[in-house]
Amino acid sequence: MDNLFTYRNFRYFKLALWLTIIFSAIYIWHEPGQPKNGGTWFGYTIGTVAALLILILMYFGRRKRNYFSNFGTVKGWLSAHVYLGSALLILATLHTGFQFGINVHTLAYALMCFVIFSGFYGAWAYVYLPGQKRENLKTISPEEYFQSIEDFDRQIMTLAKGLSEKLNLLINSALERTELGGGLMNQLSLRDKSKLVVDDRILANENQSNCINLLVAELAKETEQEKSNQLKTIIELFGSRQRALKVLRQDIKHNSLLQLWLYFHVPVSFALLAALIAHIVSIFIYW
């Protein structure tokens, strides 16, 4: 079955490979009589090819949102995007002749490299992470996990009413002060900033473990059978809640990793386009 890497028997891999081989061979063969750079006939030729490739690659963002277009398939465009983007890294480097400086030309090259490498990360993310998401969620959707947590909360609050005021406060504060998601760094690091209240003190409750440990300690001291049974059920429900929250945090991390690169890849692509235009205009004005 075709995927973005094997599309049509590696059609775009072969095209990118041939482009790279042909232009690399010409680069090695040609002797311009001066240090190789973008201002030679070869430099202009390969620079034009590289600029056209950048425009074609940027068009992918438009094509994938045009659901009624018959101009190739989205999978085909994505395959071309990955392989031709990889070839562009080599072609643009040959265009420079390895001549770099503090100028708009090197800026355009640096932005291009950033876009390409962030694209490599994006290709990895879209191939690897969906499988990780499925393995983490099993056959249950995130919405179902959220619903199960709400059910656990209702059951816990009902059972907690029969316990002491101190335990009631502890349990309800653990439910109310549970945090999920948060800032980007929290999402990526799986950091849990949940809290609970014990004796008017706000304590950390990462992964619900502090609450569960305190309830287990109370269970060990409890002598009434009915309240012991209530505490056991509450602890079991908190354990189920803990597992569901862990799955959702991992899912949030996967979603963040899938989206993270786009916050850099797309804006820097437009910065590259602006730098490319400045690069071309400055050549025609000053060269």
C-alpha atoms as a PDB file:
ATOM      1  CA  MET A   1       0.000   0.000   0.000  1.00  0.00           C
ATOM      2  CA  ASP A   2       1.308   3.446  -0.954  1.00  0.00           C
ATOM      3  CA  ASN A   3       2.331   5.871   1.766  1.00  0.00           C
ATOM      4  CA  LEU A   4       3.984   9.253   1.432  1.00  0.00           C
ATOM      5  CA  PHE A   5       7.428   7.634   1.153  1.00  0.00           C
ATOM      6  CA  THR A   6       6.605   4.835  -1.313  1.00  0.00           C
ATOM      7  CA  TYR A   7       4.045   6.766  -3.390  1.00  0.00           C
ATOM      8  CA  ARG A   8       3.832   5.422  -6.965  1.00  0.00           C
ATOM      9  CA  ASN A   9       6.879   3.197  -6.574  1.00  0.00           C
ATOM     10  CA  PHE A  10       9.044   5.996  -5.086  1.00  0.00           C
ATOM     11  CA  ARG A  11       8.274   8.376  -7.966  1.00  0.00           C
ATOM     12  CA  TYR A  12       9.401  11.552  -6.212  1.00  0.00           C
ATOM     13  CA  PHE A  13      12.337   9.918  -4.476  1.00  0.00           C
ATOM     14  CA  LYS A  14      13.678   8.950  -7.911  1.00  0.00           C
ATOM     15  CA  LEU A  15      13.033  12.447  -9.291  1.00  0.00           C
ATOM     16  CA  ALA A  16      14.793  14.066  -6.308  1.00  0.00           C
ATOM     17  CA  LEU A  17      17.678  11.610  -6.585  1.00  0.00           C
ATOM     18  CA  TRP A  18      18.200  12.276 -10.300  1.00  0.00           C
ATOM     19  CA  LEU A  19      18.043  16.042  -9.800  1.00  0.00           C
ATOM     20  CA  THR A  20      20.647  15.765  -7.069  1.00  0.00           C
ATOM     21  CA  ILE A  21      22.957  13.492  -9.063  1.00  0.00           C
ATOM     22  CA  ILE A  22      22.772  15.521 -12.290  1.00  0.00           C
ATOM     23  CA  PHE A  23      23.355  18.919 -10.695  1.00  0.00           C
ATOM     24  CA  SER A  24      26.060  17.567  -8.381  1.00  0.00           C
ATOM     25  CA  ALA A  25      27.896  16.111 -11.384  1.00  0.00           C
ATOM     26  CA  ILE A  26      27.639  19.417 -13.281  1.00  0.00           C
ATOM     27  CA  TYR A  27      28.845  21.314 -10.198  1.00  0.00           C
ATOM     28  CA  ILE A  28      31.936  19.092  -9.980  1.00  0.00           C
ATOM     29  CA  TRP A  29      32.566  19.256 -13.743  1.00  0.00           C
ATOM     30  CA  HIS A  30      32.151  22.963 -14.470  1.00  0.00           C
ATOM     31  CA  GLU A  31      35.070  25.340 -13.957  1.00  0.00           C
ATOM     32  CA  PRO A  32      33.899  28.976 -14.083  1.00  0.00           C
ATOM     33  CA  GLY A  33      37.410  30.462 -13.837  1.00  0.00           C
ATOM     34  CA  GLN A  34      36.579  31.969 -10.454  1.00  0.00           C
ATOM     35  CA  PRO A  35      35.462  30.614  -7.071  1.00  0.00           C
ATOM     36  CA  LYS A  36      32.198  28.767  -7.583  1.00  0.00           C
ATOM     37  CA  ASN A  37      29.247  30.914  -6.522  1.00  0.00           C
ATOM     38  CA  GLY A  38      25.677  31.825  -7.366  1.00  0.00           C
ATOM     39  CA  GLY A  39      26.777  34.391  -9.944  1.00  0.00           C
ATOM     40  CA  THR A  40      28.097  31.922 -12.550  1.00  0.00           C
ATOM     41  CA  TRP A  41      25.990  30.431 -15.355  1.00  0.00           C
ATOM     42  CA  PHE A  42      25.649  27.276 -13.294  1.00  0.00           C
ATOM     43  CA  GLY A  43      24.815  29.289 -10.182  1.00  0.00           C
ATOM     44  CA  TYR A  44      22.020  31.128 -12.014  1.00  0.00           C
ATOM     45  CA  THR A  45      20.673  27.889 -13.494  1.00  0.00           C
ATOM     46  CA  ILE A  46      20.553  25.899 -10.297  1.00  0.00           C
ATOM     47  CA  GLY A  47      19.372  28.974  -8.383  1.00  0.00           C
ATOM     48  CA  THR A  48      16.399  29.267 -10.736  1.00  0.00           C
ATOM     49  CA  VAL A  49      15.602  25.581 -10.251  1.00  0.00           C
ATOM     50  CA  ALA A  50      15.864  25.957  -6.462  1.00  0.00           C
ATOM     51  CA  ALA A  51      13.613  29.044  -6.455  1.00  0.00           C
ATOM     52  CA  LEU A  52      10.990  27.221  -8.547  1.00  0.00           C
ATOM     53  CA  LEU A  53      11.161  24.264  -6.158  1.00  0.00           C
ATOM     54  CA  ILE A  54      10.524  26.574  -3.200  1.00  0.00           C
ATOM     55  CA  LEU A  55       7.414  27.976  -4.900  1.00  0.00           C
ATOM     56  CA  ILE A  56       6.165  24.482  -5.789  1.00  0.00           C
ATOM     57  CA  LEU A  57       6.753  23.254  -2.234  1.00  0.00           C
ATOM     58  CA  MET A  58       4.931  26.242  -0.764  1.00  0.00           C
ATOM     59  CA  TYR A  59       1.974  25.567  -3.058  1.00  0.00           C
ATOM     60  CA  PHE A  60       1.415  22.312  -1.145  1.00  0.00           C
ATOM     61  CA  GLY A  61      -0.074  24.333   1.715  1.00  0.00           C
ATOM     62  CA  ARG A  62      -2.696  25.651  -0.729  1.00  0.00           C
ATOM     63  CA  ARG A  63      -3.253  22.325  -2.489  1.00  0.00           C
ATOM     64  CA  LYS A  64      -3.966  20.291   0.642  1.00  0.00           C
ATOM     65  CA  ARG A  65      -6.813  22.656   1.516  1.00  0.00           C
ATOM     66  CA  ASN A  66      -8.364  22.526  -1.951  1.00  0.00           C
ATOM     67  CA  TYR A  67     -10.586  19.472  -1.504  1.00  0.00           C
ATOM     68  CA  PHE A  68     -12.110  19.726  -4.986  1.00  0.00           C
ATOM     69  CA  SER A  69      -8.884  19.962  -6.963  1.00  0.00           C
ATOM     70  CA  ASN A  70      -7.950  17.213  -9.407  1.00  0.00           C
ATOM     71  CA  PHE A  71      -4.401  18.526  -9.727  1.00  0.00           C
ATOM     72  CA  GLY A  72      -2.686  15.478  -8.247  1.00  0.00           C
ATOM     73  CA  THR A  73      -3.526  13.774  -4.974  1.00  0.00           C
ATOM     74  CA  VAL A  74      -2.710  15.189  -1.553  1.00  0.00           C
ATOM     75  CA  LYS A  75      -0.621  12.073  -0.841  1.00  0.00           C
ATOM     76  CA  GLY A  76       1.324  12.624  -4.052  1.00  0.00           C
ATOM     77  CA  TRP A  77       1.896  16.284  -3.255  1.00  0.00           C
ATOM     78  CA  LEU A  78       3.039  15.380   0.249  1.00  0.00           C
ATOM     79  CA  SER A  79       5.470  12.779  -1.115  1.00  0.00           C
ATOM     80  CA  ALA A  80       6.849  15.365  -3.560  1.00  0.00           C
ATOM     81  CA  HIS A  81       7.022  17.892  -0.733  1.00  0.00           C
ATOM     82  CA  VAL A  82       9.211  15.600   1.371  1.00  0.00           C
ATOM     83  CA  TYR A  83      11.561  14.346  -1.348  1.00  0.00           C
ATOM     84  CA  LEU A  84      11.915  17.542  -3.369  1.00  0.00           C
ATOM     85  CA  GLY A  85      12.406  19.474  -0.142  1.00  0.00           C
ATOM     86  CA  SER A  86      15.266  17.121   0.686  1.00  0.00           C
ATOM     87  CA  ALA A  87      16.777  17.631  -2.772  1.00  0.00           C
ATOM     88  CA  LEU A  88      16.397  21.400  -2.385  1.00  0.00           C
ATOM     89  CA  LEU A  89      18.780  21.341   0.563  1.00  0.00           C
ATOM     90  CA  ILE A  90      21.549  20.005  -1.702  1.00  0.00           C
ATOM     91  CA  LEU A  91      20.676  22.086  -4.778  1.00  0.00           C
ATOM     92  CA  ALA A  92      20.556  25.352  -2.849  1.00  0.00           C
ATOM     93  CA  THR A  93      23.892  24.544  -1.200  1.00  0.00           C
ATOM     94  CA  LEU A  94      25.436  23.960  -4.645  1.00  0.00           C
ATOM     95  CA  HIS A  95      23.921  27.275  -5.768  1.00  0.00           C
ATOM     96  CA  THR A  96      25.845  29.093  -3.021  1.00  0.00           C
ATOM     97  CA  GLY A  97      29.138  27.525  -4.069  1.00  0.00           C
ATOM     98  CA  PHE A  98      29.716  27.301  -0.319  1.00  0.00           C
ATOM     99  CA  GLN A  99      30.152  31.080  -0.257  1.00  0.00           C
ATOM    100  CA  PHE A 100      28.455  32.510   2.835  1.00  0.00           C
ATOM    101  CA  GLY A 101      28.439  35.914   4.515  1.00  0.00           C
ATOM    102  CA  ILE A 102      26.380  38.317   6.591  1.00  0.00           C
ATOM    103  CA  ASN A 103      23.858  39.282   3.921  1.00  0.00           C
ATOM    104  CA  VAL A 104      20.353  38.626   2.637  1.00  0.00           C
ATOM    105  CA  HIS A 105      21.584  35.738   0.471  1.00  0.00           C
ATOM    106  CA  THR A 106      22.872  33.759   3.445  1.00  0.00           C
ATOM    107  CA  LEU A 107      19.739  34.721   5.391  1.00  0.00           C
ATOM    108  CA  ALA A 108      17.562  33.181   2.677  1.00  0.00           C
ATOM    109  CA  TYR A 109      19.694  30.027   2.764  1.00  0.00           C
ATOM    110  CA  ALA A 110      19.528  29.785   6.573  1.00  0.00           C
ATOM    111  CA  LEU A 111      15.739  30.221   6.566  1.00  0.00           C
ATOM    112  CA  MET A 112      15.445  27.559   3.873  1.00  0.00           C
ATOM    113  CA  CYS A 113      17.487  25.125   5.991  1.00  0.00           C
ATOM    114  CA  PHE A 114      15.278  25.818   8.999  1.00  0.00           C
ATOM    115  CA  VAL A 115      12.122  25.196   6.969  1.00  0.00           C
ATOM    116  CA  ILE A 116      13.490  21.956   5.497  1.00  0.00           C
ATOM    117  CA  PHE A 117      14.669  20.531   8.829  1.00  0.00           C
ATOM    118  CA  SER A 118      11.410  21.443  10.523  1.00  0.00           C
ATOM    119  CA  GLY A 119       9.726  19.653   7.612  1.00  0.00           C
ATOM    120  CA  PHE A 120      11.824  16.556   8.352  1.00  0.00           C
ATOM    121  CA  TYR A 121      10.486  16.666  11.897  1.00  0.00           C
ATOM    122  CA  GLY A 122       6.935  17.075  10.563  1.00  0.00           C
ATOM    123  CA  ALA A 123       7.296  14.036   8.295  1.00  0.00           C
ATOM    124  CA  TRP A 124       8.569  11.979  11.227  1.00  0.00           C
ATOM    125  CA  ALA A 125       5.741  13.209  13.454  1.00  0.00           C
ATOM    126  CA  TYR A 126       2.978  12.341  10.985  1.00  0.00           C
ATOM    127  CA  VAL A 127       4.397   8.880  10.335  1.00  0.00           C
ATOM    128  CA  TYR A 128       5.374   7.895  13.889  1.00  0.00           C
ATOM    129  CA  LEU A 129       3.024   9.716  16.277  1.00  0.00           C
ATOM    130  CA  PRO A 130      -0.392   8.513  14.998  1.00  0.00           C
ATOM    131  CA  GLY A 131       0.653   4.945  15.819  1.00  0.00           C
ATOM    132  CA  GLN A 132       1.746   6.071  19.269  1.00  0.00           C
ATOM    133  CA  LYS A 133      -1.602   7.813  19.748  1.00  0.00           C
ATOM    134  CA  ARG A 134      -3.512   4.651  18.834  1.00  0.00           C
ATOM    135  CA  GLU A 135      -1.361   2.516  21.111  1.00  0.00           C
ATOM    136  CA  ASN A 136      -1.901   4.947  23.991  1.00  0.00           C
ATOM    137  CA  LEU A 137      -5.673   5.329  23.553  1.00  0.00           C
ATOM    138  CA  LYS A 138      -6.289   1.658  22.683  1.00  0.00           C
ATOM    139  CA  THR A 139      -9.818   1.514  21.239  1.00  0.00           C
ATOM    140  CA  ILE A 140     -11.221   4.355  23.373  1.00  0.00           C
ATOM    141  CA  SER A 141     -11.570   7.929  22.136  1.00  0.00           C
ATOM    142  CA  PRO A 142     -10.340  10.926  24.196  1.00  0.00           C
ATOM    143  CA  GLU A 143     -13.969  12.025  24.598  1.00  0.00           C
ATOM    144  CA  GLU A 144     -14.808   8.693  26.198  1.00  0.00           C
ATOM    145  CA  TYR A 145     -11.910   9.088  28.616  1.00  0.00           C
ATOM    146  CA  PHE A 146     -13.185  12.538  29.597  1.00  0.00           C
ATOM    147  CA  GLN A 147     -16.666  11.077  30.101  1.00  0.00           C
ATOM    148  CA  SER A 148     -15.293   8.266  32.265  1.00  0.00           C
ATOM    149  CA  ILE A 149     -13.451  10.803  34.456  1.00  0.00           C
ATOM    150  CA  GLU A 150     -16.698  12.730  34.951  1.00  0.00           C
ATOM    151  CA  ASP A 151     -18.403   9.466  35.968  1.00  0.00           C
ATOM    152  CA  PHE A 152     -15.604   8.660  38.428  1.00  0.00           C
ATOM    153  CA  ASP A 153     -15.902  12.170  39.899  1.00  0.00           C
ATOM    154  CA  ARG A 154     -19.658  11.829  40.464  1.00  0.00           C
ATOM    155  CA  GLN A 155     -19.246   8.455  42.148  1.00  0.00           C
ATOM    156  CA  ILE A 156     -16.392   9.702  44.325  1.00  0.00           C
ATOM    157  CA  MET A 157     -18.296  12.817  45.452  1.00  0.00           C
ATOM    158  CA  THR A 158     -21.344  10.718  46.329  1.00  0.00           C
ATOM    159  CA  LEU A 159     -19.284   8.282  48.413  1.00  0.00           C
ATOM    160  CA  ALA A 160     -17.294  11.094  50.075  1.00  0.00           C
ATOM    161  CA  LYS A 161     -20.455  12.560  51.645  1.00  0.00           C
ATOM    162  CA  GLY A 162     -20.521   9.695  54.135  1.00  0.00           C
ATOM    163  CA  LEU A 163     -16.984  10.420  55.371  1.00  0.00           C
ATOM    164  CA  SER A 164     -15.582  13.004  57.801  1.00  0.00           C
ATOM    165  CA  GLU A 165     -15.456  16.690  56.892  1.00  0.00           C
ATOM    166  CA  LYS A 166     -11.654  16.535  56.687  1.00  0.00           C
ATOM    167  CA  LEU A 167     -11.681  13.654  54.201  1.00  0.00           C
ATOM    168  CA  ASN A 168     -14.545  15.254  52.271  1.00  0.00           C
ATOM    169  CA  LEU A 169     -12.480  18.429  51.844  1.00  0.00           C
ATOM    170  CA  LEU A 170      -9.386  16.452  50.823  1.00  0.00           C
ATOM    171  CA  ILE A 171     -11.264  14.418  48.228  1.00  0.00           C
ATOM    172  CA  ASN A 172     -13.245  17.295  46.735  1.00  0.00           C
ATOM    173  CA  SER A 173     -10.183  19.537  46.583  1.00  0.00           C
ATOM    174  CA  ALA A 174      -8.298  16.776  44.724  1.00  0.00           C
ATOM    175  CA  LEU A 175     -11.118  16.588  42.196  1.00  0.00           C
ATOM    176  CA  GLU A 176     -11.537  20.349  41.794  1.00  0.00           C
ATOM    177  CA  ARG A 177      -7.812  21.141  41.603  1.00  0.00           C
ATOM    178  CA  THR A 178      -6.929  18.485  39.038  1.00  0.00           C
ATOM    179  CA  GLU A 179      -5.153  20.108  36.086  1.00  0.00           C
ATOM    180  CA  LEU A 180      -4.918  18.708  32.592  1.00  0.00           C
ATOM    181  CA  GLY A 181      -2.997  20.249  29.706  1.00  0.00           C
ATOM    182  CA  GLY A 182      -1.804  23.730  30.637  1.00  0.00           C
ATOM    183  CA  GLY A 183       1.003  25.548  28.837  1.00  0.00           C
ATOM    184  CA  LEU A 184       3.010  24.077  26.001  1.00  0.00           C
ATOM    185  CA  MET A 185       5.933  23.054  28.227  1.00  0.00           C
ATOM    186  CA  ASN A 186       3.559  21.319  30.646  1.00  0.00           C
ATOM    187  CA  GLN A 187       1.980  19.440  27.743  1.00  0.00           C
ATOM    188  CA  LEU A 188       5.296  18.318  26.283  1.00  0.00           C
ATOM    189  CA  SER A 189       6.854  17.360  29.627  1.00  0.00           C
ATOM    190  CA  LEU A 190       3.679  15.658  30.929  1.00  0.00           C
ATOM    191  CA  ARG A 191       3.995  17.885  33.977  1.00  0.00           C
ATOM    192  CA  ASP A 192       1.007  17.625  36.299  1.00  0.00           C
ATOM    193  CA  LYS A 193       0.366  20.693  38.470  1.00  0.00           C
ATOM    194  CA  SER A 194      -2.663  19.245  40.263  1.00  0.00           C
ATOM    195  CA  LYS A 195      -3.135  20.203  43.903  1.00  0.00           C
ATOM    196  CA  LEU A 196      -5.229  19.243  46.953  1.00  0.00           C
ATOM    197  CA  VAL A 197      -6.024  20.823  50.333  1.00  0.00           C
ATOM    198  CA  VAL A 198      -5.042  19.141  53.604  1.00  0.00           C
ATOM    199  CA  ASP A 199      -5.527  20.989  56.905  1.00  0.00           C
ATOM    200  CA  ASP A 200      -5.743  24.343  55.095  1.00  0.00           C
ATOM    201  CA  ARG A 201      -2.489  23.609  53.300  1.00  0.00           C
ATOM    202  CA  ILE A 202      -2.293  23.347  49.520  1.00  0.00           C
ATOM    203  CA  LEU A 203      -0.138  20.365  48.547  1.00  0.00           C
ATOM    204  CA  ALA A 204       1.046  18.974  45.239  1.00  0.00           C
ATOM    205  CA  ASN A 205      -1.010  16.093  43.895  1.00  0.00           C
ATOM    206  CA  GLU A 206       0.939  15.002  40.845  1.00  0.00           C
ATOM    207  CA  ASN A 207      -0.705  12.047  39.109  1.00  0.00           C
ATOM    208  CA  GLN A 208      -3.235  11.942  42.004  1.00  0.00           C
ATOM    209  CA  SER A 209      -0.636   9.994  43.999  1.00  0.00           C
ATOM    210  CA  ASN A 210      -0.639  12.218  47.104  1.00  0.00           C
ATOM    211  CA  CYS A 211      -4.415  11.937  47.423  1.00  0.00           C
ATOM    212  CA  ILE A 212      -4.348   8.165  46.978  1.00  0.00           C
ATOM    213  CA  ASN A 213      -1.522   7.775  49.537  1.00  0.00           C
ATOM    214  CA  LEU A 214      -3.399   9.875  52.114  1.00  0.00           C
ATOM    215  CA  LEU A 215      -6.591   7.876  51.570  1.00  0.00           C
ATOM    216  CA  VAL A 216      -4.679   4.597  51.944  1.00  0.00           C
ATOM    217  CA  ALA A 217      -3.260   5.885  55.247  1.00  0.00           C
ATOM    218  CA  GLU A 218      -6.782   6.771  56.420  1.00  0.00           C
ATOM    219  CA  LEU A 219      -8.023   3.328  55.381  1.00  0.00           C
ATOM    220  CA  ALA A 220      -5.346   1.687  57.523  1.00  0.00           C
ATOM    221  CA  LYS A 221      -6.645   3.598  60.567  1.00  0.00           C
ATOM    222  CA  GLU A 222     -10.365   3.075  59.874  1.00  0.00           C
ATOM    223  CA  THR A 223     -12.155   0.612  62.168  1.00  0.00           C
ATOM    224  CA  GLU A 224     -15.740   0.882  60.886  1.00  0.00           C
ATOM    225  CA  GLN A 225     -16.463  -1.677  58.161  1.00  0.00           C
ATOM    226  CA  GLU A 226     -18.868   0.535  56.227  1.00  0.00           C
ATOM    227  CA  LYS A 227     -16.458   3.460  56.035  1.00  0.00           C
ATOM    228  CA  SER A 228     -13.607   1.081  55.183  1.00  0.00           C
ATOM    229  CA  ASN A 229     -15.620  -0.180  52.229  1.00  0.00           C
ATOM    230  CA  GLN A 230     -16.379   3.400  51.167  1.00  0.00           C
ATOM    231  CA  LEU A 231     -12.700   4.334  51.313  1.00  0.00           C
ATOM    232  CA  LYS A 232     -11.677   1.218  49.361  1.00  0.00           C
ATOM    233  CA  THR A 233     -14.160   2.059  46.612  1.00  0.00           C
ATOM    234  CA  ILE A 234     -13.002   5.700  46.526  1.00  0.00           C
ATOM    235  CA  ILE A 235      -9.357   4.615  46.299  1.00  0.00           C
ATOM    236  CA  GLU A 236     -10.201   2.241  43.436  1.00  0.00           C
ATOM    237  CA  LEU A 237     -12.068   5.036  41.642  1.00  0.00           C
ATOM    238  CA  PHE A 238      -9.131   7.407  42.123  1.00  0.00           C
ATOM    239  CA  GLY A 239      -6.860   4.704  40.690  1.00  0.00           C
ATOM    240  CA  SER A 240      -9.083   4.415  37.600  1.00  0.00           C
ATOM    241  CA  ARG A 241      -9.214   8.208  37.371  1.00  0.00           C
ATOM    242  CA  GLN A 242      -5.406   8.327  37.661  1.00  0.00           C
ATOM    243  CA  ARG A 243      -4.986   5.920  34.736  1.00  0.00           C
ATOM    244  CA  ALA A 244      -7.462   7.825  32.547  1.00  0.00           C
ATOM    245  CA  LEU A 245      -5.719  11.149  33.273  1.00  0.00           C
ATOM    246  CA  LYS A 246      -2.357   9.606  32.415  1.00  0.00           C
ATOM    247  CA  VAL A 247      -3.696   8.448  29.040  1.00  0.00           C
ATOM    248  CA  LEU A 248      -5.171  11.885  28.299  1.00  0.00           C
ATOM    249  CA  ARG A 249      -1.942  13.677  29.232  1.00  0.00           C
ATOM    250  CA  GLN A 250      -0.020  11.425  26.880  1.00  0.00           C
ATOM    251  CA  ASP A 251      -2.590  12.085  24.146  1.00  0.00           C
ATOM    252  CA  ILE A 252      -2.290  15.836  24.684  1.00  0.00           C
ATOM    253  CA  LYS A 253       1.496  15.505  24.383  1.00  0.00           C
ATOM    254  CA  HIS A 254       1.136  13.592  21.095  1.00  0.00           C
ATOM    255  CA  ASN A 255      -1.226  16.270  19.740  1.00  0.00           C
ATOM    256  CA  SER A 256       1.193  19.017  20.777  1.00  0.00           C
ATOM    257  CA  LEU A 257       4.101  17.249  19.074  1.00  0.00           C
ATOM    258  CA  LEU A 258       2.005  16.887  15.924  1.00  0.00           C
ATOM    259  CA  GLN A 259       1.176  20.594  15.864  1.00  0.00           C
ATOM    260  CA  LEU A 260       4.357  22.093  17.310  1.00  0.00           C
ATOM    261  CA  TRP A 261       6.405  22.111  14.092  1.00  0.00           C
ATOM    262  CA  LEU A 262       3.653  23.966  12.199  1.00  0.00           C
ATOM    263  CA  TYR A 263       4.082  26.980  14.471  1.00  0.00           C
ATOM    264  CA  PHE A 264       7.603  27.291  13.035  1.00  0.00           C
ATOM    265  CA  HIS A 265       7.433  25.630   9.622  1.00  0.00           C
ATOM    266  CA  VAL A 266       4.643  27.748   8.112  1.00  0.00           C
ATOM    267  CA  PRO A 267       5.617  31.250   9.391  1.00  0.00           C
ATOM    268  CA  VAL A 268       9.299  30.712   8.556  1.00  0.00           C
ATOM    269  CA  SER A 269       8.262  29.511   5.079  1.00  0.00           C
ATOM    270  CA  PHE A 270       6.750  32.941   4.423  1.00  0.00           C
ATOM    271  CA  ALA A 271       9.833  34.615   5.898  1.00  0.00           C
ATOM    272  CA  LEU A 272      11.871  32.491   3.456  1.00  0.00           C
ATOM    273  CA  LEU A 273       9.692  33.678   0.562  1.00  0.00           C
ATOM    274  CA  ALA A 274      10.298  37.309   1.549  1.00  0.00           C
ATOM    275  CA  ALA A 275      14.054  36.704   1.870  1.00  0.00           C
ATOM    276  CA  LEU A 276      14.072  34.874  -1.482  1.00  0.00           C
ATOM    277  CA  ILE A 277      12.405  37.846  -3.202  1.00  0.00           C
ATOM    278  CA  ALA A 278      14.944  40.202  -1.578  1.00  0.00           C
ATOM    279  CA  HIS A 279      17.743  37.854  -2.672  1.00  0.00           C
ATOM    280  CA  ILE A 280      16.555  37.843  -6.307  1.00  0.00           C
ATOM    281  CA  VAL A 281      15.823  41.595  -6.465  1.00  0.00           C
ATOM    282  CA  SER A 282      19.217  42.485  -4.970  1.00  0.00           C
ATOM    283  CA  ILE A 283      20.952  40.313  -7.585  1.00  0.00           C
ATOM    284  CA  PHE A 284      19.266  42.124 -10.461  1.00  0.00           C
ATOM    285  CA  ILE A 285      19.986  45.538  -8.914  1.00  0.00           C
ATOM    286  CA  TYR A 286      23.596  45.104  -7.792  1.00  0.00           C
ATOM    287  CA  TRP A 287      24.938  42.289  -9.989  1.00  0.00           C
END
